[in-house]
Amino acid sequence: PTAAGKLYLATVIDLYSRRLLGAATSLHPNAELAKAAITMAVTVRGGKEAIWKEEESERVIFHSDRGSTYTADLFTRACRNLGIRQSMGRVGSCFDNAAAEAFFSSLEWEVLSRHEFTTTQAAQAVVLDWCYGFYNHERRHSSAGMMSPIAYETTAATAREAA
């Protein structure tokens, strides 16, 4: 929330490392916002060519709730075009989206509860700085061996290369 109105955030989190791959903001919580976040995530991973798998069972899976944002034709078409399989939880169940819930809880506690924003631009600057700076590079995660997401991915890549 800001004095100028709400700013919405859509995220794409890699469950392996807890790395935030895509984070898009908008004044409206719609399919365009979600599409921007998923497109950003694919770009971070090297583009469609890097994530595309011919076999559908090997494709990247994007899990979300059943909200209209993720069931809208614009978003489902974008996923299909990128070769991403969609997965959606049961209606009324928050437990299968725990990583996203944990992310937003951390954002609320560590950033939003400590700031009062006058503009959406000010909120966007602080939130995205926390996301891509602190959250990805410094914040330690128990599911990532108490390392930051970037450190965890770097360690795993180094181990694969050594093997």
N, C-alpha and C. Protein backbone atom coordinates (compact mmCIF):
# COMPACT_ATOMS: atom_id res chain seq x y z
N PRO A 1 0.83 -1.20 0.00
CA PRO A 1 0.00 0.00 0.00
C PRO A 1 0.87 1.26 0.00
N THR A 2 0.42 2.28 -0.72
CA THR A 2 1.10 3.58 -0.72
C THR A 2 0.05 4.67 -0.56
N ALA A 3 0.50 5.87 -0.30
CA ALA A 3 -0.42 6.99 -0.19
C ALA A 3 -1.11 7.26 -1.54
N ALA A 4 -0.48 6.82 -2.63
CA ALA A 4 -1.03 7.05 -3.97
C ALA A 4 -1.87 5.87 -4.47
N GLY A 5 -2.01 4.84 -3.67
CA GLY A 5 -2.76 3.65 -4.09
C GLY A 5 -1.92 2.40 -3.95
N LYS A 6 -2.52 1.27 -4.31
CA LYS A 6 -1.82 -0.01 -4.16
C LYS A 6 -0.89 -0.27 -5.34
N LEU A 7 0.21 -0.95 -5.03
CA LEU A 7 1.13 -1.46 -6.04
C LEU A 7 1.12 -2.98 -5.89
N TYR A 8 0.90 -3.69 -6.98
CA TYR A 8 0.82 -5.15 -6.95
C TYR A 8 2.12 -5.75 -7.44
N LEU A 9 2.47 -6.90 -6.88
CA LEU A 9 3.71 -7.60 -7.20
C LEU A 9 3.38 -9.04 -7.59
N ALA A 10 3.88 -9.46 -8.74
CA ALA A 10 3.78 -10.86 -9.16
C ALA A 10 5.19 -11.43 -9.15
N THR A 11 5.32 -12.67 -8.67
CA THR A 11 6.64 -13.27 -8.55
C THR A 11 6.69 -14.66 -9.17
N VAL A 12 7.90 -15.05 -9.55
CA VAL A 12 8.19 -16.41 -9.98
C VAL A 12 9.41 -16.85 -9.17
N ILE A 13 9.22 -17.89 -8.36
CA ILE A 13 10.27 -18.38 -7.47
C ILE A 13 10.67 -19.79 -7.89
N ASP A 14 11.98 -20.03 -8.00
CA ASP A 14 12.49 -21.36 -8.30
C ASP A 14 12.46 -22.17 -6.99
N LEU A 15 11.71 -23.26 -6.97
CA LEU A 15 11.60 -24.03 -5.74
C LEU A 15 12.89 -24.75 -5.36
N TYR A 16 13.76 -25.00 -6.32
CA TYR A 16 15.03 -25.66 -6.04
C TYR A 16 15.90 -24.81 -5.13
N SER A 17 16.09 -23.56 -5.49
CA SER A 17 17.01 -22.69 -4.76
C SER A 17 16.32 -21.57 -3.98
N ARG A 18 15.03 -21.38 -4.20
CA ARG A 18 14.24 -20.28 -3.66
C ARG A 18 14.62 -18.94 -4.27
N ARG A 19 15.31 -18.99 -5.41
CA ARG A 19 15.69 -17.76 -6.10
C ARG A 19 14.47 -17.11 -6.74
N LEU A 20 14.36 -15.82 -6.56
CA LEU A 20 13.31 -15.05 -7.20
C LEU A 20 13.78 -14.77 -8.63
N LEU A 21 13.13 -15.41 -9.59
CA LEU A 21 13.53 -15.28 -10.99
C LEU A 21 12.82 -14.14 -11.70
N GLY A 22 11.58 -13.88 -11.32
CA GLY A 22 10.81 -12.83 -11.95
C GLY A 22 10.00 -12.08 -10.93
N ALA A 23 10.02 -10.77 -11.02
CA ALA A 23 9.22 -9.93 -10.13
C ALA A 23 8.77 -8.73 -10.93
N ALA A 24 7.48 -8.64 -11.14
CA ALA A 24 6.92 -7.53 -11.90
C ALA A 24 5.92 -6.79 -11.03
N THR A 25 5.83 -5.48 -11.22
CA THR A 25 4.89 -4.67 -10.45
C THR A 25 3.92 -3.97 -11.40
N SER A 26 2.75 -3.65 -10.87
CA SER A 26 1.72 -2.97 -11.65
C SER A 26 0.69 -2.36 -10.72
N LEU A 27 -0.08 -1.46 -11.25
CA LEU A 27 -1.18 -0.87 -10.49
C LEU A 27 -2.41 -1.78 -10.51
N HIS A 28 -2.36 -2.84 -11.33
CA HIS A 28 -3.49 -3.76 -11.46
C HIS A 28 -3.03 -5.20 -11.33
N PRO A 29 -3.73 -6.02 -10.54
CA PRO A 29 -3.36 -7.44 -10.38
C PRO A 29 -4.00 -8.29 -11.48
N ASN A 30 -3.43 -8.26 -12.66
CA ASN A 30 -4.07 -8.94 -13.78
C ASN A 30 -3.10 -9.89 -14.50
N ALA A 31 -3.59 -10.50 -15.56
CA ALA A 31 -2.79 -11.47 -16.31
C ALA A 31 -1.56 -10.83 -16.95
N GLU A 32 -1.64 -9.58 -17.33
CA GLU A 32 -0.48 -8.90 -17.90
C GLU A 32 0.66 -8.83 -16.89
N LEU A 33 0.33 -8.59 -15.63
CA LEU A 33 1.34 -8.56 -14.57
C LEU A 33 1.99 -9.93 -14.40
N ALA A 34 1.18 -10.97 -14.35
CA ALA A 34 1.71 -12.33 -14.21
C ALA A 34 2.54 -12.72 -15.42
N LYS A 35 2.09 -12.34 -16.60
CA LYS A 35 2.85 -12.65 -17.82
C LYS A 35 4.20 -11.95 -17.79
N ALA A 36 4.25 -10.72 -17.32
CA ALA A 36 5.52 -9.99 -17.23
C ALA A 36 6.49 -10.72 -16.30
N ALA A 37 6.00 -11.23 -15.18
CA ALA A 37 6.85 -11.94 -14.23
C ALA A 37 7.37 -13.25 -14.81
N ILE A 38 6.51 -14.02 -15.47
CA ILE A 38 6.94 -15.31 -16.03
C ILE A 38 7.90 -15.10 -17.20
N THR A 39 7.66 -14.07 -17.99
CA THR A 39 8.56 -13.75 -19.10
C THR A 39 9.93 -13.35 -18.58
N MET A 40 9.95 -12.57 -17.51
CA MET A 40 11.20 -12.17 -16.89
C MET A 40 11.96 -13.39 -16.37
N ALA A 41 11.25 -14.31 -15.75
CA ALA A 41 11.88 -15.52 -15.21
C ALA A 41 12.51 -16.36 -16.32
N VAL A 42 11.82 -16.51 -17.42
CA VAL A 42 12.36 -17.27 -18.55
C VAL A 42 13.60 -16.58 -19.10
N THR A 43 13.58 -15.28 -19.17
CA THR A 43 14.74 -14.52 -19.64
C THR A 43 15.93 -14.74 -18.73
N VAL A 44 15.71 -14.71 -17.41
CA VAL A 44 16.79 -14.92 -16.45
C VAL A 44 17.42 -16.30 -16.62
N ARG A 45 16.62 -17.28 -16.98
CA ARG A 45 17.12 -18.65 -17.17
C ARG A 45 17.68 -18.90 -18.57
N GLY A 46 17.79 -17.83 -19.39
CA GLY A 46 18.42 -17.99 -20.69
C GLY A 46 17.48 -18.01 -21.86
N GLY A 47 16.21 -17.74 -21.65
CA GLY A 47 15.24 -17.69 -22.74
C GLY A 47 14.56 -19.02 -22.98
N LYS A 48 13.59 -18.97 -23.87
CA LYS A 48 12.78 -20.16 -24.18
C LYS A 48 13.66 -21.32 -24.63
N GLU A 49 14.68 -21.04 -25.42
CA GLU A 49 15.55 -22.09 -25.94
C GLU A 49 16.25 -22.84 -24.80
N ALA A 50 16.57 -22.15 -23.72
CA ALA A 50 17.27 -22.77 -22.59
C ALA A 50 16.36 -23.65 -21.74
N ILE A 51 15.08 -23.33 -21.69
CA ILE A 51 14.18 -24.10 -20.82
C ILE A 51 13.30 -25.07 -21.58
N TRP A 52 13.24 -24.94 -22.92
CA TRP A 52 12.33 -25.76 -23.72
C TRP A 52 12.73 -27.23 -23.69
N LYS A 53 11.76 -28.09 -23.46
CA LYS A 53 11.93 -29.54 -23.52
C LYS A 53 10.85 -30.08 -24.43
N GLU A 54 11.24 -30.93 -25.36
CA GLU A 54 10.26 -31.52 -26.29
C GLU A 54 9.25 -32.37 -25.54
N GLU A 55 9.74 -33.17 -24.61
CA GLU A 55 8.87 -34.06 -23.82
C GLU A 55 8.14 -33.23 -22.76
N GLU A 56 6.83 -33.24 -22.80
CA GLU A 56 6.04 -32.41 -21.88
C GLU A 56 6.32 -32.73 -20.42
N SER A 57 6.58 -33.98 -20.09
CA SER A 57 6.83 -34.37 -18.70
C SER A 57 8.14 -33.81 -18.15
N GLU A 58 9.00 -33.28 -19.03
CA GLU A 58 10.28 -32.71 -18.60
C GLU A 58 10.29 -31.19 -18.59
N ARG A 59 9.16 -30.59 -18.93
CA ARG A 59 9.10 -29.14 -19.03
C ARG A 59 9.07 -28.46 -17.66
N VAL A 60 9.42 -27.18 -17.68
CA VAL A 60 9.33 -26.35 -16.48
C VAL A 60 7.87 -26.33 -16.04
N ILE A 61 7.66 -26.39 -14.75
CA ILE A 61 6.31 -26.36 -14.19
C ILE A 61 6.14 -25.06 -13.40
N PHE A 62 5.07 -24.35 -13.70
CA PHE A 62 4.72 -23.15 -12.95
C PHE A 62 3.50 -23.45 -12.11
N HIS A 63 3.65 -23.36 -10.79
CA HIS A 63 2.54 -23.66 -9.89
C HIS A 63 1.96 -22.35 -9.35
N SER A 64 0.63 -22.29 -9.30
CA SER A 64 -0.05 -21.11 -8.78
C SER A 64 -1.37 -21.52 -8.16
N ASP A 65 -2.07 -20.53 -7.64
CA ASP A 65 -3.43 -20.78 -7.20
C ASP A 65 -4.34 -20.73 -8.44
N ARG A 66 -5.64 -20.87 -8.23
CA ARG A 66 -6.57 -20.90 -9.35
C ARG A 66 -7.20 -19.53 -9.64
N GLY A 67 -6.52 -18.48 -9.25
CA GLY A 67 -7.04 -17.14 -9.47
C GLY A 67 -7.17 -16.81 -10.94
N SER A 68 -8.02 -15.84 -11.22
CA SER A 68 -8.30 -15.46 -12.61
C SER A 68 -7.05 -14.95 -13.32
N THR A 69 -6.09 -14.44 -12.57
CA THR A 69 -4.84 -13.98 -13.15
C THR A 69 -4.13 -15.11 -13.89
N TYR A 70 -4.13 -16.30 -13.28
CA TYR A 70 -3.37 -17.43 -13.84
C TYR A 70 -4.20 -18.33 -14.75
N THR A 71 -5.50 -18.14 -14.76
CA THR A 71 -6.35 -18.92 -15.67
C THR A 71 -6.76 -18.11 -16.90
N ALA A 72 -6.41 -16.84 -16.93
CA ALA A 72 -6.74 -15.97 -18.06
C ALA A 72 -6.04 -16.48 -19.32
N ASP A 73 -6.71 -16.31 -20.43
CA ASP A 73 -6.18 -16.77 -21.72
C ASP A 73 -4.81 -16.17 -22.01
N LEU A 74 -4.60 -14.90 -21.71
CA LEU A 74 -3.32 -14.24 -21.96
C LEU A 74 -2.18 -14.97 -21.25
N PHE A 75 -2.40 -15.34 -19.99
CA PHE A 75 -1.34 -16.01 -19.22
C PHE A 75 -1.16 -17.46 -19.65
N THR A 76 -2.26 -18.19 -19.83
CA THR A 76 -2.14 -19.60 -20.21
C THR A 76 -1.49 -19.73 -21.59
N ARG A 77 -1.81 -18.82 -22.50
CA ARG A 77 -1.18 -18.82 -23.82
C ARG A 77 0.31 -18.53 -23.71
N ALA A 78 0.67 -17.59 -22.86
CA ALA A 78 2.09 -17.25 -22.66
C ALA A 78 2.85 -18.48 -22.15
N CYS A 79 2.29 -19.17 -21.18
CA CYS A 79 2.93 -20.39 -20.66
C CYS A 79 3.08 -21.43 -21.76
N ARG A 80 2.02 -21.64 -22.50
CA ARG A 80 2.06 -22.63 -23.59
C ARG A 80 3.14 -22.26 -24.61
N ASN A 81 3.20 -20.99 -24.99
CA ASN A 81 4.19 -20.52 -25.97
C ASN A 81 5.63 -20.66 -25.47
N LEU A 82 5.81 -20.57 -24.16
CA LEU A 82 7.14 -20.70 -23.57
C LEU A 82 7.48 -22.15 -23.25
N GLY A 83 6.53 -23.06 -23.43
CA GLY A 83 6.78 -24.46 -23.12
C GLY A 83 6.71 -24.77 -21.64
N ILE A 84 5.94 -23.98 -20.91
CA ILE A 84 5.82 -24.15 -19.45
C ILE A 84 4.50 -24.86 -19.15
N ARG A 85 4.58 -25.90 -18.34
CA ARG A 85 3.38 -26.59 -17.88
C ARG A 85 2.81 -25.84 -16.68
N GLN A 86 1.51 -25.65 -16.67
CA GLN A 86 0.87 -25.01 -15.52
C GLN A 86 0.37 -26.06 -14.55
N SER A 87 0.50 -25.75 -13.28
CA SER A 87 0.00 -26.59 -12.20
C SER A 87 -0.76 -25.67 -11.26
N MET A 88 -1.91 -26.12 -10.80
CA MET A 88 -2.70 -25.29 -9.89
C MET A 88 -3.17 -26.11 -8.70
N GLY A 89 -3.16 -25.47 -7.55
CA GLY A 89 -3.58 -26.13 -6.33
C GLY A 89 -5.09 -26.29 -6.24
N ARG A 90 -5.50 -27.01 -5.22
CA ARG A 90 -6.93 -27.17 -4.98
C ARG A 90 -7.53 -25.84 -4.53
N VAL A 91 -8.78 -25.67 -4.79
CA VAL A 91 -9.49 -24.46 -4.37
C VAL A 91 -9.47 -24.39 -2.84
N GLY A 92 -9.09 -23.23 -2.32
CA GLY A 92 -9.09 -23.01 -0.88
C GLY A 92 -7.90 -23.58 -0.13
N SER A 93 -6.89 -24.09 -0.84
CA SER A 93 -5.72 -24.67 -0.18
C SER A 93 -4.52 -23.75 -0.36
N CYS A 94 -3.97 -23.29 0.74
CA CYS A 94 -2.78 -22.43 0.67
C CYS A 94 -1.50 -23.23 0.91
N PHE A 95 -1.62 -24.48 1.33
CA PHE A 95 -0.45 -25.25 1.74
C PHE A 95 0.45 -25.67 0.58
N ASP A 96 -0.11 -25.86 -0.61
CA ASP A 96 0.72 -26.28 -1.73
C ASP A 96 1.44 -25.12 -2.39
N ASN A 97 1.25 -23.92 -1.89
CA ASN A 97 1.94 -22.74 -2.41
C ASN A 97 2.74 -22.09 -1.29
N ALA A 98 3.30 -22.93 -0.43
CA ALA A 98 3.97 -22.45 0.77
C ALA A 98 5.18 -21.56 0.48
N ALA A 99 5.93 -21.86 -0.57
CA ALA A 99 7.11 -21.05 -0.89
C ALA A 99 6.71 -19.61 -1.21
N ALA A 100 5.66 -19.44 -1.98
CA ALA A 100 5.19 -18.09 -2.31
C ALA A 100 4.64 -17.40 -1.06
N GLU A 101 3.89 -18.14 -0.26
CA GLU A 101 3.36 -17.57 0.99
C GLU A 101 4.50 -17.13 1.91
N ALA A 102 5.55 -17.93 2.01
CA ALA A 102 6.71 -17.59 2.84
C ALA A 102 7.42 -16.35 2.31
N PHE A 103 7.56 -16.28 0.99
CA PHE A 103 8.19 -15.11 0.38
C PHE A 103 7.42 -13.84 0.74
N PHE A 104 6.11 -13.86 0.53
CA PHE A 104 5.32 -12.65 0.79
C PHE A 104 5.26 -12.32 2.28
N SER A 105 5.32 -13.32 3.13
CA SER A 105 5.38 -13.07 4.57
C SER A 105 6.69 -12.36 4.93
N SER A 106 7.80 -12.83 4.36
CA SER A 106 9.10 -12.18 4.59
C SER A 106 9.10 -10.75 4.07
N LEU A 107 8.55 -10.55 2.89
CA LEU A 107 8.47 -9.21 2.31
C LEU A 107 7.66 -8.29 3.23
N GLU A 108 6.55 -8.79 3.71
CA GLU A 108 5.70 -7.99 4.60
C GLU A 108 6.45 -7.61 5.88
N TRP A 109 7.10 -8.58 6.50
CA TRP A 109 7.78 -8.35 7.77
C TRP A 109 9.04 -7.51 7.61
N GLU A 110 9.85 -7.82 6.61
CA GLU A 110 11.17 -7.20 6.47
C GLU A 110 11.16 -5.87 5.72
N VAL A 111 10.12 -5.61 4.94
CA VAL A 111 10.10 -4.38 4.14
C VAL A 111 8.85 -3.55 4.39
N LEU A 112 7.69 -4.12 4.07
CA LEU A 112 6.47 -3.32 4.08
C LEU A 112 6.09 -2.79 5.45
N SER A 113 6.32 -3.58 6.50
CA SER A 113 5.96 -3.13 7.84
C SER A 113 6.89 -2.03 8.36
N ARG A 114 7.99 -1.81 7.68
CA ARG A 114 8.99 -0.83 8.14
C ARG A 114 9.02 0.44 7.29
N HIS A 115 8.16 0.52 6.29
CA HIS A 115 8.14 1.68 5.41
C HIS A 115 6.73 2.19 5.20
N GLU A 116 6.63 3.48 5.01
CA GLU A 116 5.39 4.09 4.55
C GLU A 116 5.74 4.80 3.25
N PHE A 117 5.13 4.35 2.16
CA PHE A 117 5.46 4.88 0.84
C PHE A 117 4.48 5.96 0.43
N THR A 118 5.00 7.05 -0.12
CA THR A 118 4.14 8.12 -0.60
C THR A 118 3.71 7.87 -2.05
N THR A 119 4.57 7.20 -2.82
CA THR A 119 4.25 6.94 -4.22
C THR A 119 4.45 5.46 -4.54
N THR A 120 3.83 5.01 -5.62
CA THR A 120 4.03 3.63 -6.06
C THR A 120 5.46 3.45 -6.59
N GLN A 121 6.05 4.50 -7.15
CA GLN A 121 7.42 4.41 -7.65
C GLN A 121 8.40 4.19 -6.49
N ALA A 122 8.16 4.85 -5.37
CA ALA A 122 9.03 4.66 -4.20
C ALA A 122 8.90 3.23 -3.68
N ALA A 123 7.68 2.73 -3.62
CA ALA A 123 7.46 1.35 -3.17
C ALA A 123 8.14 0.37 -4.12
N GLN A 124 7.97 0.59 -5.41
CA GLN A 124 8.58 -0.30 -6.40
C GLN A 124 10.10 -0.34 -6.23
N ALA A 125 10.73 0.80 -6.06
CA ALA A 125 12.19 0.86 -5.92
C ALA A 125 12.66 0.08 -4.69
N VAL A 126 12.01 0.27 -3.56
CA VAL A 126 12.42 -0.41 -2.32
C VAL A 126 12.14 -1.91 -2.41
N VAL A 127 10.96 -2.28 -2.90
CA VAL A 127 10.59 -3.69 -2.97
C VAL A 127 11.49 -4.45 -3.93
N LEU A 128 11.71 -3.92 -5.12
CA LEU A 128 12.56 -4.62 -6.09
C LEU A 128 14.02 -4.67 -5.65
N ASP A 129 14.49 -3.64 -4.97
CA ASP A 129 15.85 -3.67 -4.42
C ASP A 129 15.97 -4.79 -3.39
N TRP A 130 14.99 -4.93 -2.53
CA TRP A 130 14.99 -6.01 -1.53
C TRP A 130 14.94 -7.37 -2.23
N CYS A 131 14.08 -7.50 -3.23
CA CYS A 131 13.92 -8.77 -3.94
C CYS A 131 15.22 -9.21 -4.60
N TYR A 132 15.75 -8.37 -5.46
CA TYR A 132 16.91 -8.77 -6.26
C TYR A 132 18.24 -8.57 -5.56
N GLY A 133 18.26 -7.68 -4.59
CA GLY A 133 19.49 -7.48 -3.83
C GLY A 133 19.55 -8.40 -2.63
N PHE A 134 18.80 -8.06 -1.61
CA PHE A 134 18.87 -8.81 -0.36
C PHE A 134 18.33 -10.24 -0.47
N TYR A 135 17.11 -10.41 -0.97
CA TYR A 135 16.48 -11.73 -0.96
C TYR A 135 17.29 -12.75 -1.76
N ASN A 136 17.70 -12.40 -2.96
CA ASN A 136 18.42 -13.35 -3.80
C ASN A 136 19.89 -13.52 -3.43
N HIS A 137 20.53 -12.47 -2.94
CA HIS A 137 21.97 -12.52 -2.72
C HIS A 137 22.40 -12.68 -1.27
N GLU A 138 21.55 -12.32 -0.32
CA GLU A 138 21.98 -12.35 1.08
C GLU A 138 21.09 -13.18 2.01
N ARG A 139 19.80 -13.16 1.79
CA ARG A 139 18.87 -13.83 2.71
C ARG A 139 19.08 -15.33 2.65
N ARG A 140 19.35 -15.92 3.80
CA ARG A 140 19.59 -17.37 3.87
C ARG A 140 18.27 -18.12 4.02
N HIS A 141 18.24 -19.31 3.41
CA HIS A 141 17.03 -20.13 3.41
C HIS A 141 17.35 -21.52 3.94
N SER A 142 16.53 -21.99 4.84
CA SER A 142 16.76 -23.33 5.41
C SER A 142 16.67 -24.40 4.33
N SER A 143 15.81 -24.20 3.33
CA SER A 143 15.66 -25.19 2.27
C SER A 143 16.83 -25.15 1.27
N ALA A 144 17.68 -24.15 1.39
CA ALA A 144 18.84 -24.02 0.52
C ALA A 144 20.13 -24.13 1.33
N GLY A 145 20.13 -25.00 2.31
CA GLY A 145 21.33 -25.24 3.12
C GLY A 145 21.82 -24.02 3.86
N MET A 146 20.89 -23.15 4.26
CA MET A 146 21.20 -21.89 4.96
C MET A 146 22.12 -20.98 4.14
N MET A 147 21.95 -21.06 2.81
CA MET A 147 22.66 -20.16 1.90
C MET A 147 21.64 -19.27 1.21
N SER A 148 22.14 -18.21 0.60
CA SER A 148 21.25 -17.39 -0.23
C SER A 148 20.94 -18.18 -1.50
N PRO A 149 19.85 -17.85 -2.17
CA PRO A 149 19.54 -18.56 -3.41
C PRO A 149 20.67 -18.53 -4.46
N ILE A 150 21.29 -17.38 -4.63
CA ILE A 150 22.39 -17.27 -5.61
C ILE A 150 23.57 -18.13 -5.18
N ALA A 151 23.93 -18.10 -3.90
CA ALA A 151 25.05 -18.91 -3.41
C ALA A 151 24.73 -20.40 -3.56
N TYR A 152 23.49 -20.78 -3.30
CA TYR A 152 23.09 -22.18 -3.42
C TYR A 152 23.21 -22.65 -4.87
N GLU A 153 22.71 -21.86 -5.80
CA GLU A 153 22.81 -22.23 -7.22
C GLU A 153 24.27 -22.28 -7.67
N THR A 154 25.09 -21.34 -7.22
CA THR A 154 26.50 -21.33 -7.59
C THR A 154 27.23 -22.53 -7.04
N THR A 155 26.95 -22.89 -5.80
CA THR A 155 27.55 -24.08 -5.17
C THR A 155 27.14 -25.33 -5.91
N ALA A 156 25.88 -25.44 -6.26
CA ALA A 156 25.39 -26.63 -6.98
C ALA A 156 26.02 -26.73 -8.36
N ALA A 157 26.16 -25.61 -9.05
CA ALA A 157 26.76 -25.61 -10.39
C ALA A 157 28.24 -26.01 -10.31
N THR A 158 28.94 -25.53 -9.32
CA THR A 158 30.35 -25.87 -9.13
C THR A 158 30.50 -27.35 -8.84
N ALA A 159 29.60 -27.89 -8.02
CA ALA A 159 29.64 -29.32 -7.69
C ALA A 159 29.37 -30.17 -8.93
N ARG A 160 28.42 -29.74 -9.76
CA ARG A 160 28.12 -30.49 -11.01
C ARG A 160 29.32 -30.49 -11.95
N GLU A 161 29.99 -29.34 -12.06
CA GLU A 161 31.15 -29.22 -12.94
C GLU A 161 32.30 -30.09 -12.44
N ALA A 162 32.44 -30.20 -11.13
CA ALA A 162 33.53 -30.99 -10.54
C ALA A 162 33.28 -32.49 -10.69
N ALA A 163 32.03 -32.88 -10.82
CA ALA A 163 31.70 -34.30 -10.88
C ALA A 163 32.03 -34.94 -12.20
